[in-house]
Amino acid sequence: MPKYLIEASYTTDGVKGLIKEGGSKRREAVEQLLRSVGGKLEVLYFAFGQTDAFAIVDLPDNVSVAAASLAVNAAGLVQVRTTVLLTPEEMDQATKKSVSLRAPGT
């Protein structure tokens, strides 16, 4: 199953909810959200700085990621950014693909 890096930044109201429920309850909520779209949480870490939480998740496809992201962002309490993660083997496959490129200006 494809892996994704999720970066989350809480709004002020989102932080208030986190303080009220705690980190473990947030992890449970993330796990439930991911299960609802056929995925699972590999790891969740809270952090200091611009990004409040990082998660690595397994999801079936980009459509499932988009559905989860839309639901979370629509709630208005956290803003998420998603990065597709590639395995070393997938990168091996990418390096073997023949690509035709005309660079700008050439």
Protein backbone atom coordinates (compact mmCIF):
# COMPACT_ATOMS: atom_id res chain seq x y z
CA MET A 1 0.00 0.00 0.00
CA PRO A 2 1.40 3.47 -0.84
CA LYS A 3 2.84 5.53 2.01
CA TYR A 4 2.29 9.21 2.62
CA LEU A 5 3.82 11.78 4.95
CA ILE A 6 1.14 13.97 6.50
CA GLU A 7 2.12 17.29 8.07
CA ALA A 8 -0.50 18.95 10.26
CA SER A 9 -0.68 22.48 11.64
CA TYR A 10 -3.41 23.24 14.16
CA THR A 11 -5.51 26.39 14.25
CA THR A 12 -6.03 28.04 17.63
CA ASP A 13 -9.29 26.12 18.09
CA GLY A 14 -7.55 22.91 17.03
CA VAL A 15 -4.91 23.43 19.73
CA LYS A 16 -7.67 23.96 22.29
CA GLY A 17 -9.20 20.63 21.24
CA LEU A 18 -5.82 18.93 21.50
CA ILE A 19 -5.30 20.32 25.00
CA LYS A 20 -8.78 19.12 26.01
CA GLU A 21 -8.45 15.57 24.57
CA GLY A 22 -4.70 14.93 24.66
CA GLY A 23 -2.39 13.35 22.12
CA SER A 24 -3.53 9.74 22.55
CA LYS A 25 -7.14 10.63 21.75
CA ARG A 26 -5.97 12.49 18.64
CA ARG A 27 -4.02 9.43 17.55
CA GLU A 28 -7.16 7.32 18.00
CA ALA A 29 -9.15 9.81 15.90
CA VAL A 30 -6.52 9.71 13.14
CA GLU A 31 -6.55 5.90 13.18
CA GLN A 32 -10.34 5.89 12.87
CA LEU A 33 -10.26 8.39 9.99
CA LEU A 34 -7.68 6.32 8.12
CA ARG A 35 -9.58 3.06 8.66
CA SER A 36 -12.69 4.71 7.22
CA VAL A 37 -10.88 5.16 3.87
CA GLY A 38 -9.10 1.78 3.93
CA GLY A 39 -5.81 2.92 5.41
CA LYS A 40 -3.77 2.70 8.59
CA LEU A 41 -1.47 4.83 10.70
CA GLU A 42 2.16 3.74 10.82
CA VAL A 43 3.41 6.45 13.18
CA LEU A 44 2.30 9.80 14.60
CA TYR A 45 4.58 12.34 16.25
CA PHE A 46 3.80 15.75 17.66
CA ALA A 47 6.42 18.44 17.15
CA PHE A 48 7.47 21.98 18.00
CA GLY A 49 7.58 24.63 15.31
CA GLN A 50 5.56 25.48 12.22
CA THR A 51 4.29 21.89 11.87
CA ASP A 52 2.48 20.54 14.93
CA ALA A 53 2.30 16.87 13.95
CA PHE A 54 3.83 14.42 11.49
CA ALA A 55 2.29 11.11 10.47
CA ILE A 56 3.32 8.36 8.12
CA VAL A 57 0.26 6.57 6.81
CA ASP A 58 -0.63 3.73 4.47
CA LEU A 59 -3.54 4.45 2.15
CA PRO A 60 -4.83 2.55 -0.88
CA ASP A 61 -4.56 5.39 -3.41
CA ASN A 62 -4.50 9.13 -4.04
CA VAL A 63 -8.31 9.32 -4.11
CA SER A 64 -8.44 8.00 -0.54
CA VAL A 65 -5.77 10.50 0.52
CA ALA A 66 -7.71 13.34 -1.09
CA ALA A 67 -10.96 12.28 0.61
CA ALA A 68 -9.31 12.20 4.03
CA SER A 69 -7.51 15.50 3.43
CA LEU A 70 -10.72 17.22 2.31
CA ALA A 71 -12.57 16.03 5.41
CA VAL A 72 -9.81 17.17 7.77
CA ASN A 73 -9.27 20.54 6.11
CA ALA A 74 -13.04 21.18 5.89
CA ALA A 75 -13.33 20.76 9.67
CA GLY A 76 -11.26 23.95 9.95
CA LEU A 77 -9.25 22.92 13.02
CA VAL A 78 -6.11 21.70 11.31
CA GLN A 79 -4.43 22.29 7.95
CA VAL A 80 -2.80 19.21 6.42
CA ARG A 81 -0.16 18.84 3.74
CA THR A 82 0.55 15.50 2.10
CA THR A 83 3.73 14.16 0.50
CA VAL A 84 3.82 10.90 -1.46
CA LEU A 85 6.64 8.66 -0.21
CA LEU A 86 8.54 6.31 -2.53
CA THR A 87 10.37 3.16 -1.54
CA PRO A 88 13.97 2.62 -2.70
CA GLU A 89 12.62 -0.05 -5.08
CA GLU A 90 10.15 2.41 -6.60
CA MET A 91 13.02 4.86 -7.08
CA ASP A 92 14.99 2.05 -8.78
CA GLN A 93 12.07 1.62 -11.20
CA ALA A 94 11.92 5.37 -11.81
CA THR A 95 15.63 5.53 -12.67
CA LYS A 96 15.12 2.86 -15.32
CA LYS A 97 12.22 4.62 -17.09
CA SER A 98 13.08 6.21 -20.40
CA VAL A 99 12.03 9.86 -20.39
CA SER A 100 12.04 12.30 -23.29
CA LEU A 101 12.71 15.88 -22.19
CA ARG A 102 13.36 19.09 -24.01
CA ALA A 103 14.75 21.50 -21.41
CA PRO A 104 13.37 25.05 -21.44
CA GLY A 105 15.13 27.25 -23.97
CA THR A 106 16.81 24.40 -25.85
